[in-house]
Amino acid sequence: MGRLYCCVRCIARFLEGTGRKESGQMPVITVQTVEGVTAEQKEELIERFTATIKEVMGKNPEATHVVIEEIPAENWGIRGRTVAAIRSGKN
């Protein structure tokens, strides 16, 4: 598959008014990546980010959300070019 271009954001949101017993913050991890990530890779990303949030922040995996957003290669730019152009070898 080549390089995996992605951007990760972790946003903590409050569970106010949800009726849930745990209080505090619910981690929401958003992974933006160029399209082409396999289902197996997505599963591994979700597992690893969830485990990392538990290890680093002590958050319950049951309350951790991971969202993967795939961006078309022609809509993602790096080094002044689209990923589609880089992948195709175009100058």
PDB file of N, CA and C in Angstrom:
ATOM      1  N   MET A   1       0.820  -1.190   0.000  1.00  0.00           N
ATOM      2  CA  MET A   1       0.000   0.000   0.000  1.00  0.00           C
ATOM      3  C   MET A   1       0.863   1.251   0.000  1.00  0.00           C
ATOM      4  N   GLY A   2       2.097   1.188   0.404  1.00  0.00           N
ATOM      5  CA  GLY A   2       2.914   2.389   0.445  1.00  0.00           C
ATOM      6  C   GLY A   2       2.717   3.143   1.740  1.00  0.00           C
ATOM      7  N   ARG A   3       2.879   4.439   1.678  1.00  0.00           N
ATOM      8  CA  ARG A   3       2.759   5.265   2.875  1.00  0.00           C
ATOM      9  C   ARG A   3       1.326   5.402   3.341  1.00  0.00           C
ATOM     10  N   LEU A   4       1.196   5.530   4.639  1.00  0.00           N
ATOM     11  CA  LEU A   4      -0.102   5.825   5.241  1.00  0.00           C
ATOM     12  C   LEU A   4      -0.066   7.277   5.674  1.00  0.00           C
ATOM     13  N   TYR A   5      -0.796   8.123   4.962  1.00  0.00           N
ATOM     14  CA  TYR A   5      -0.885   9.533   5.320  1.00  0.00           C
ATOM     15  C   TYR A   5      -2.066   9.688   6.259  1.00  0.00           C
ATOM     16  N   CYS A   6      -1.827  10.190   7.452  1.00  0.00           N
ATOM     17  CA  CYS A   6      -2.945  10.376   8.368  1.00  0.00           C
ATOM     18  C   CYS A   6      -2.675  11.490   9.365  1.00  0.00           C
ATOM     19  N   CYS A   7      -3.736  11.951   9.956  1.00  0.00           N
ATOM     20  CA  CYS A   7      -3.701  12.990  10.982  1.00  0.00           C
ATOM     21  C   CYS A   7      -4.594  12.500  12.112  1.00  0.00           C
ATOM     22  N   VAL A   8      -4.125  12.593  13.327  1.00  0.00           N
ATOM     23  CA  VAL A   8      -4.903  12.103  14.463  1.00  0.00           C
ATOM     24  C   VAL A   8      -5.191  13.261  15.411  1.00  0.00           C
ATOM     25  N   ARG A   9      -6.461  13.367  15.814  1.00  0.00           N
ATOM     26  CA  ARG A   9      -6.864  14.350  16.815  1.00  0.00           C
ATOM     27  C   ARG A   9      -7.562  13.605  17.940  1.00  0.00           C
ATOM     28  N   CYS A  10      -7.294  13.983  19.139  1.00  0.00           N
ATOM     29  CA  CYS A  10      -7.985  13.394  20.293  1.00  0.00           C
ATOM     30  C   CYS A  10      -8.725  14.508  21.002  1.00  0.00           C
ATOM     31  N   ILE A  11     -10.024  14.363  21.089  1.00  0.00           N
ATOM     32  CA  ILE A  11     -10.872  15.373  21.708  1.00  0.00           C
ATOM     33  C   ILE A  11     -11.594  14.733  22.884  1.00  0.00           C
ATOM     34  N   ALA A  12     -11.501  15.354  24.047  1.00  0.00           N
ATOM     35  CA  ALA A  12     -12.232  14.854  25.212  1.00  0.00           C
ATOM     36  C   ALA A  12     -13.545  15.616  25.310  1.00  0.00           C
ATOM     37  N   ARG A  13     -14.631  14.876  25.407  1.00  0.00           N
ATOM     38  CA  ARG A  13     -15.959  15.485  25.525  1.00  0.00           C
ATOM     39  C   ARG A  13     -16.582  15.057  26.848  1.00  0.00           C
ATOM     40  N   PHE A  14     -17.381  15.922  27.408  1.00  0.00           N
ATOM     41  CA  PHE A  14     -18.006  15.632  28.693  1.00  0.00           C
ATOM     42  C   PHE A  14     -19.279  14.816  28.508  1.00  0.00           C
ATOM     43  N   LEU A  15     -19.566  13.959  29.497  1.00  0.00           N
ATOM     44  CA  LEU A  15     -20.744  13.096  29.481  1.00  0.00           C
ATOM     45  C   LEU A  15     -21.878  13.685  30.314  1.00  0.00           C
ATOM     46  N   GLU A  16     -21.992  14.981  30.322  1.00  0.00           N
ATOM     47  CA  GLU A  16     -23.016  15.618  31.140  1.00  0.00           C
ATOM     48  C   GLU A  16     -24.410  15.281  30.627  1.00  0.00           C
ATOM     49  N   GLY A  17     -25.301  14.949  31.556  1.00  0.00           N
ATOM     50  CA  GLY A  17     -26.692  14.718  31.201  1.00  0.00           C
ATOM     51  C   GLY A  17     -26.959  13.437  30.440  1.00  0.00           C
ATOM     52  N   THR A  18     -26.010  12.502  30.426  1.00  0.00           N
ATOM     53  CA  THR A  18     -26.217  11.268  29.673  1.00  0.00           C
ATOM     54  C   THR A  18     -26.814  10.160  30.526  1.00  0.00           C
ATOM     55  N   GLY A  19     -26.826  10.340  31.848  1.00  0.00           N
ATOM     56  CA  GLY A  19     -27.341   9.305  32.726  1.00  0.00           C
ATOM     57  C   GLY A  19     -26.343   8.192  32.990  1.00  0.00           C
ATOM     58  N   ARG A  20     -25.140   8.312  32.467  1.00  0.00           N
ATOM     59  CA  ARG A  20     -24.130   7.279  32.692  1.00  0.00           C
ATOM     60  C   ARG A  20     -23.492   7.483  34.054  1.00  0.00           C
ATOM     61  N   LYS A  21     -23.085   6.374  34.674  1.00  0.00           N
ATOM     62  CA  LYS A  21     -22.525   6.436  36.019  1.00  0.00           C
ATOM     63  C   LYS A  21     -21.163   7.115  36.050  1.00  0.00           C
ATOM     64  N   GLU A  22     -20.310   6.803  35.061  1.00  0.00           N
ATOM     65  CA  GLU A  22     -18.987   7.406  35.107  1.00  0.00           C
ATOM     66  C   GLU A  22     -19.071   8.885  34.750  1.00  0.00           C
ATOM     67  N   SER A  23     -18.276   9.661  35.435  1.00  0.00           N
ATOM     68  CA  SER A  23     -18.250  11.091  35.141  1.00  0.00           C
ATOM     69  C   SER A  23     -16.901  11.421  34.530  1.00  0.00           C
ATOM     70  N   GLY A  24     -16.757  12.624  34.085  1.00  0.00           N
ATOM     71  CA  GLY A  24     -15.491  13.034  33.511  1.00  0.00           C
ATOM     72  C   GLY A  24     -15.574  13.138  32.010  1.00  0.00           C
ATOM     73  N   GLN A  25     -14.515  12.714  31.372  1.00  0.00           N
ATOM     74  CA  GLN A  25     -14.407  12.927  29.942  1.00  0.00           C
ATOM     75  C   GLN A  25     -14.441  11.627  29.163  1.00  0.00           C
ATOM     76  N   MET A  26     -14.997  11.718  27.960  1.00  0.00           N
ATOM     77  CA  MET A  26     -15.055  10.593  27.043  1.00  0.00           C
ATOM     78  C   MET A  26     -14.096  10.903  25.900  1.00  0.00           C
ATOM     79  N   PRO A  27     -13.019  10.144  25.743  1.00  0.00           N
ATOM     80  CA  PRO A  27     -12.099  10.420  24.649  1.00  0.00           C
ATOM     81  C   PRO A  27     -12.733  10.081  23.293  1.00  0.00           C
ATOM     82  N   VAL A  28     -12.580  10.999  22.355  1.00  0.00           N
ATOM     83  CA  VAL A  28     -12.988  10.766  20.972  1.00  0.00           C
ATOM     84  C   VAL A  28     -11.752  10.990  20.120  1.00  0.00           C
ATOM     85  N   ILE A  29     -11.291   9.947  19.458  1.00  0.00           N
ATOM     86  CA  ILE A  29     -10.103  10.029  18.622  1.00  0.00           C
ATOM     87  C   ILE A  29     -10.555  10.029  17.173  1.00  0.00           C
ATOM     88  N   THR A  30     -10.152  11.041  16.425  1.00  0.00           N
ATOM     89  CA  THR A  30     -10.483  11.118  15.011  1.00  0.00           C
ATOM     90  C   THR A  30      -9.211  10.904  14.211  1.00  0.00           C
ATOM     91  N   VAL A  31      -9.233   9.908  13.342  1.00  0.00           N
ATOM     92  CA  VAL A  31      -8.099   9.613  12.476  1.00  0.00           C
ATOM     93  C   VAL A  31      -8.505   9.980  11.060  1.00  0.00           C
ATOM     94  N   GLN A  32      -7.813  10.938  10.471  1.00  0.00           N
ATOM     95  CA  GLN A  32      -8.046  11.286   9.075  1.00  0.00           C
ATOM     96  C   GLN A  32      -6.935  10.648   8.267  1.00  0.00           C
ATOM     97  N   THR A  33      -7.300   9.895   7.242  1.00  0.00           N
ATOM     98  CA  THR A  33      -6.316   9.202   6.432  1.00  0.00           C
ATOM     99  C   THR A  33      -6.738   9.218   4.971  1.00  0.00           C
ATOM    100  N   VAL A  34      -5.764   9.076   4.104  1.00  0.00           N
ATOM    101  CA  VAL A  34      -6.067   8.969   2.683  1.00  0.00           C
ATOM    102  C   VAL A  34      -6.736   7.624   2.448  1.00  0.00           C
ATOM    103  N   GLU A  35      -7.731   7.608   1.583  1.00  0.00           N
ATOM    104  CA  GLU A  35      -8.469   6.377   1.310  1.00  0.00           C
ATOM    105  C   GLU A  35      -7.522   5.252   0.898  1.00  0.00           C
ATOM    106  N   GLY A  36      -7.948   4.041   1.182  1.00  0.00           N
ATOM    107  CA  GLY A  36      -7.157   2.883   0.819  1.00  0.00           C
ATOM    108  C   GLY A  36      -6.712   2.052   2.005  1.00  0.00           C
ATOM    109  N   VAL A  37      -7.088   2.447   3.208  1.00  0.00           N
ATOM    110  CA  VAL A  37      -6.749   1.671   4.397  1.00  0.00           C
ATOM    111  C   VAL A  37      -7.664   0.451   4.435  1.00  0.00           C
ATOM    112  N   THR A  38      -7.091  -0.709   4.670  1.00  0.00           N
ATOM    113  CA  THR A  38      -7.890  -1.935   4.676  1.00  0.00           C
ATOM    114  C   THR A  38      -8.714  -2.046   5.957  1.00  0.00           C
ATOM    115  N   ALA A  39      -9.705  -2.914   5.921  1.00  0.00           N
ATOM    116  CA  ALA A  39     -10.532  -3.157   7.108  1.00  0.00           C
ATOM    117  C   ALA A  39      -9.674  -3.668   8.264  1.00  0.00           C
ATOM    118  N   GLU A  40      -8.691  -4.510   7.951  1.00  0.00           N
ATOM    119  CA  GLU A  40      -7.809  -5.046   8.982  1.00  0.00           C
ATOM    120  C   GLU A  40      -6.962  -3.940   9.606  1.00  0.00           C
ATOM    121  N   GLN A  41      -6.469  -3.018   8.791  1.00  0.00           N
ATOM    122  CA  GLN A  41      -5.684  -1.901   9.312  1.00  0.00           C
ATOM    123  C   GLN A  41      -6.543  -0.990  10.184  1.00  0.00           C
ATOM    124  N   LYS A  42      -7.775  -0.754   9.768  1.00  0.00           N
ATOM    125  CA  LYS A  42      -8.683   0.076  10.567  1.00  0.00           C
ATOM    126  C   LYS A  42      -8.935  -0.570  11.924  1.00  0.00           C
ATOM    127  N   GLU A  43      -9.164  -1.865  11.923  1.00  0.00           N
ATOM    128  CA  GLU A  43      -9.396  -2.587  13.176  1.00  0.00           C
ATOM    129  C   GLU A  43      -8.192  -2.456  14.104  1.00  0.00           C
ATOM    130  N   GLU A  44      -6.998  -2.593  13.537  1.00  0.00           N
ATOM    131  CA  GLU A  44      -5.788  -2.478  14.353  1.00  0.00           C
ATOM    132  C   GLU A  44      -5.602  -1.055  14.883  1.00  0.00           C
ATOM    133  N   LEU A  45      -5.873  -0.048  14.050  1.00  0.00           N
ATOM    134  CA  LEU A  45      -5.796   1.340  14.513  1.00  0.00           C
ATOM    135  C   LEU A  45      -6.736   1.568  15.689  1.00  0.00           C
ATOM    136  N   ILE A  46      -7.971   1.088  15.562  1.00  0.00           N
ATOM    137  CA  ILE A  46      -8.962   1.263  16.629  1.00  0.00           C
ATOM    138  C   ILE A  46      -8.500   0.573  17.912  1.00  0.00           C
ATOM    139  N   GLU A  47      -8.017  -0.656  17.787  1.00  0.00           N
ATOM    140  CA  GLU A  47      -7.544  -1.393  18.964  1.00  0.00           C
ATOM    141  C   GLU A  47      -6.377  -0.681  19.637  1.00  0.00           C
ATOM    142  N   ARG A  48      -5.408  -0.249  18.843  1.00  0.00           N
ATOM    143  CA  ARG A  48      -4.204   0.364  19.416  1.00  0.00           C
ATOM    144  C   ARG A  48      -4.473   1.737  20.025  1.00  0.00           C
ATOM    145  N   PHE A  49      -5.281   2.558  19.345  1.00  0.00           N
ATOM    146  CA  PHE A  49      -5.590   3.869  19.917  1.00  0.00           C
ATOM    147  C   PHE A  49      -6.377   3.714  21.212  1.00  0.00           C
ATOM    148  N   THR A  50      -7.312   2.779  21.251  1.00  0.00           N
ATOM    149  CA  THR A  50      -8.090   2.542  22.465  1.00  0.00           C
ATOM    150  C   THR A  50      -7.179   2.099  23.608  1.00  0.00           C
ATOM    151  N   ALA A  51      -6.259   1.177  23.328  1.00  0.00           N
ATOM    152  CA  ALA A  51      -5.321   0.702  24.349  1.00  0.00           C
ATOM    153  C   ALA A  51      -4.405   1.823  24.829  1.00  0.00           C
ATOM    154  N   THR A  52      -3.968   2.675  23.906  1.00  0.00           N
ATOM    155  CA  THR A  52      -3.080   3.782  24.270  1.00  0.00           C
ATOM    156  C   THR A  52      -3.783   4.787  25.169  1.00  0.00           C
ATOM    157  N   ILE A  53      -5.042   5.109  24.853  1.00  0.00           N
ATOM    158  CA  ILE A  53      -5.802   6.045  25.683  1.00  0.00           C
ATOM    159  C   ILE A  53      -5.996   5.469  27.089  1.00  0.00           C
ATOM    160  N   LYS A  54      -6.221   4.156  27.174  1.00  0.00           N
ATOM    161  CA  LYS A  54      -6.352   3.520  28.492  1.00  0.00           C
ATOM    162  C   LYS A  54      -5.032   3.618  29.259  1.00  0.00           C
ATOM    163  N   GLU A  55      -3.931   3.313  28.571  1.00  0.00           N
ATOM    164  CA  GLU A  55      -2.618   3.313  29.216  1.00  0.00           C
ATOM    165  C   GLU A  55      -2.177   4.718  29.634  1.00  0.00           C
ATOM    166  N   VAL A  56      -2.333   5.683  28.753  1.00  0.00           N
ATOM    167  CA  VAL A  56      -1.820   7.031  29.007  1.00  0.00           C
ATOM    168  C   VAL A  56      -2.756   7.859  29.877  1.00  0.00           C
ATOM    169  N   MET A  57      -4.066   7.777  29.601  1.00  0.00           N
ATOM    170  CA  MET A  57      -5.029   8.632  30.293  1.00  0.00           C
ATOM    171  C   MET A  57      -5.836   7.900  31.355  1.00  0.00           C
ATOM    172  N   GLY A  58      -5.730   6.567  31.387  1.00  0.00           N
ATOM    173  CA  GLY A  58      -6.491   5.789  32.355  1.00  0.00           C
ATOM    174  C   GLY A  58      -7.977   5.726  32.052  1.00  0.00           C
ATOM    175  N   LYS A  59      -8.345   5.939  30.788  1.00  0.00           N
ATOM    176  CA  LYS A  59      -9.760   5.972  30.407  1.00  0.00           C
ATOM    177  C   LYS A  59     -10.288   4.568  30.123  1.00  0.00           C
ATOM    178  N   ASN A  60     -11.549   4.375  30.437  1.00  0.00           N
ATOM    179  CA  ASN A  60     -12.244   3.117  30.205  1.00  0.00           C
ATOM    180  C   ASN A  60     -12.387   2.883  28.699  1.00  0.00           C
ATOM    181  N   PRO A  61     -11.910   1.750  28.187  1.00  0.00           N
ATOM    182  CA  PRO A  61     -12.060   1.460  26.762  1.00  0.00           C
ATOM    183  C   PRO A  61     -13.516   1.470  26.296  1.00  0.00           C
ATOM    184  N   GLU A  62     -14.446   1.167  27.214  1.00  0.00           N
ATOM    185  CA  GLU A  62     -15.866   1.167  26.863  1.00  0.00           C
ATOM    186  C   GLU A  62     -16.373   2.567  26.525  1.00  0.00           C
ATOM    187  N   ALA A  63     -15.671   3.596  26.998  1.00  0.00           N
ATOM    188  CA  ALA A  63     -16.094   4.977  26.756  1.00  0.00           C
ATOM    189  C   ALA A  63     -15.246   5.671  25.695  1.00  0.00           C
ATOM    190  N   THR A  64     -14.295   4.943  25.107  1.00  0.00           N
ATOM    191  CA  THR A  64     -13.395   5.530  24.112  1.00  0.00           C
ATOM    192  C   THR A  64     -13.943   5.300  22.714  1.00  0.00           C
ATOM    193  N   HIS A  65     -14.047   6.393  21.968  1.00  0.00           N
ATOM    194  CA  HIS A  65     -14.550   6.323  20.596  1.00  0.00           C
ATOM    195  C   HIS A  65     -13.418   6.625  19.625  1.00  0.00           C
ATOM    196  N   VAL A  66     -13.338   5.855  18.543  1.00  0.00           N
ATOM    197  CA  VAL A  66     -12.363   6.102  17.483  1.00  0.00           C
ATOM    198  C   VAL A  66     -13.136   6.224  16.177  1.00  0.00           C
ATOM    199  N   VAL A  67     -12.920   7.336  15.470  1.00  0.00           N
ATOM    200  CA  VAL A  67     -13.587   7.589  14.195  1.00  0.00           C
ATOM    201  C   VAL A  67     -12.511   7.664  13.121  1.00  0.00           C
ATOM    202  N   ILE A  68     -12.674   6.893  12.054  1.00  0.00           N
ATOM    203  CA  ILE A  68     -11.722   6.923  10.944  1.00  0.00           C
ATOM    204  C   ILE A  68     -12.400   7.578   9.751  1.00  0.00           C
ATOM    205  N   GLU A  69     -11.818   8.689   9.302  1.00  0.00           N
ATOM    206  CA  GLU A  69     -12.342   9.417   8.151  1.00  0.00           C
ATOM    207  C   GLU A  69     -11.380   9.219   6.982  1.00  0.00           C
ATOM    208  N   GLU A  70     -11.877   8.639   5.889  1.00  0.00           N
ATOM    209  CA  GLU A  70     -11.043   8.456   4.708  1.00  0.00           C
ATOM    210  C   GLU A  70     -11.237   9.623   3.747  1.00  0.00           C
ATOM    211  N   ILE A  71     -10.132  10.212   3.324  1.00  0.00           N
ATOM    212  CA  ILE A  71     -10.136  11.358   2.428  1.00  0.00           C
ATOM    213  C   ILE A  71      -9.645  10.894   1.052  1.00  0.00           C
ATOM    214  N   PRO A  72     -10.338  11.260  -0.026  1.00  0.00           N
ATOM    215  CA  PRO A  72      -9.854  10.893  -1.362  1.00  0.00           C
ATOM    216  C   PRO A  72      -8.433  11.424  -1.596  1.00  0.00           C
ATOM    217  N   ALA A  73      -7.604  10.637  -2.267  1.00  0.00           N
ATOM    218  CA  ALA A  73      -6.198  10.995  -2.495  1.00  0.00           C
ATOM    219  C   ALA A  73      -6.045  12.320  -3.227  1.00  0.00           C
ATOM    220  N   GLU A  74      -7.011  12.664  -4.069  1.00  0.00           N
ATOM    221  CA  GLU A  74      -6.917  13.942  -4.790  1.00  0.00           C
ATOM    222  C   GLU A  74      -7.291  15.128  -3.898  1.00  0.00           C
ATOM    223  N   ASN A  75      -7.811  14.852  -2.701  1.00  0.00           N
ATOM    224  CA  ASN A  75      -8.181  15.914  -1.758  1.00  0.00           C
ATOM    225  C   ASN A  75      -7.181  16.072  -0.615  1.00  0.00           C
ATOM    226  N   TRP A  76      -6.083  15.329  -0.642  1.00  0.00           N
ATOM    227  CA  TRP A  76      -5.072  15.401   0.414  1.00  0.00           C
ATOM    228  C   TRP A  76      -3.771  15.863  -0.222  1.00  0.00           C
ATOM    229  N   GLY A  77      -3.218  16.951   0.297  1.00  0.00           N
ATOM    230  CA  GLY A  77      -1.976  17.477  -0.254  1.00  0.00           C
ATOM    231  C   GLY A  77      -0.840  17.420   0.735  1.00  0.00           C
ATOM    232  N   ILE A  78       0.348  17.161   0.234  1.00  0.00           N
ATOM    233  CA  ILE A  78       1.568  17.155   1.039  1.00  0.00           C
ATOM    234  C   ILE A  78       2.724  17.547   0.120  1.00  0.00           C
ATOM    235  N   ARG A  79       3.645  18.323   0.652  1.00  0.00           N
ATOM    236  CA  ARG A  79       4.793  18.796  -0.139  1.00  0.00           C
ATOM    237  C   ARG A  79       4.358  19.501  -1.421  1.00  0.00           C
ATOM    238  N   GLY A  80       3.222  20.190  -1.371  1.00  0.00           N
ATOM    239  CA  GLY A  80       2.759  20.961  -2.516  1.00  0.00           C
ATOM    240  C   GLY A  80       2.107  20.159  -3.621  1.00  0.00           C
ATOM    241  N   ARG A  81       1.806  18.899  -3.355  1.00  0.00           N
ATOM    242  CA  ARG A  81       1.189  18.037  -4.370  1.00  0.00           C
ATOM    243  C   ARG A  81       0.101  17.190  -3.721  1.00  0.00           C
ATOM    244  N   THR A  82      -0.803  16.696  -4.536  1.00  0.00           N
ATOM    245  CA  THR A  82      -1.809  15.785  -3.995  1.00  0.00           C
ATOM    246  C   THR A  82      -1.190  14.406  -3.818  1.00  0.00           C
ATOM    247  N   VAL A  83      -1.756  13.643  -2.903  1.00  0.00           N
ATOM    248  CA  VAL A  83      -1.285  12.269  -2.708  1.00  0.00           C
ATOM    249  C   VAL A  83      -1.539  11.453  -3.976  1.00  0.00           C
ATOM    250  N   ALA A  84      -2.627  11.750  -4.690  1.00  0.00           N
ATOM    251  CA  ALA A  84      -2.912  11.046  -5.946  1.00  0.00           C
ATOM    252  C   ALA A  84      -1.769  11.245  -6.936  1.00  0.00           C
ATOM    253  N   ALA A  85      -1.273  12.479  -7.060  1.00  0.00           N
ATOM    254  CA  ALA A  85      -0.164  12.756  -7.977  1.00  0.00           C
ATOM    255  C   ALA A  85       1.116  12.070  -7.514  1.00  0.00           C
ATOM    256  N   ILE A  86       1.369  12.094  -6.214  1.00  0.00           N
ATOM    257  CA  ILE A  86       2.564  11.435  -5.673  1.00  0.00           C
ATOM    258  C   ILE A  86       2.508   9.941  -5.947  1.00  0.00           C
ATOM    259  N   ARG A  87       1.359   9.332  -5.695  1.00  0.00           N
ATOM    260  CA  ARG A  87       1.213   7.887  -5.904  1.00  0.00           C
ATOM    261  C   ARG A  87       1.367   7.497  -7.367  1.00  0.00           C
ATOM    262  N   SER A  88       0.927   8.369  -8.259  1.00  0.00           N
ATOM    263  CA  SER A  88       0.996   8.041  -9.689  1.00  0.00           C
ATOM    264  C   SER A  88       2.361   8.355 -10.291  1.00  0.00           C
ATOM    265  N   GLY A  89       3.200   9.051  -9.523  1.00  0.00           N
ATOM    266  CA  GLY A  89       4.526   9.398 -10.018  1.00  0.00           C
ATOM    267  C   GLY A  89       4.545  10.632 -10.901  1.00  0.00           C
ATOM    268  N   LYS A  90       3.422  11.348 -10.983  1.00  0.00           N
ATOM    269  CA  LYS A  90       3.357  12.567 -11.794  1.00  0.00           C
ATOM    270  C   LYS A  90       4.129  13.685 -11.113  1.00  0.00           C
ATOM    271  N   ASN A  91       4.737  14.534 -11.922  1.00  0.00           N
ATOM    272  CA  ASN A  91       5.477  15.693 -11.384  1.00  0.00           C
ATOM    273  C   ASN A  91       4.579  16.846 -11.106  1.00  0.00           C
TER     274      ASN A  91
END
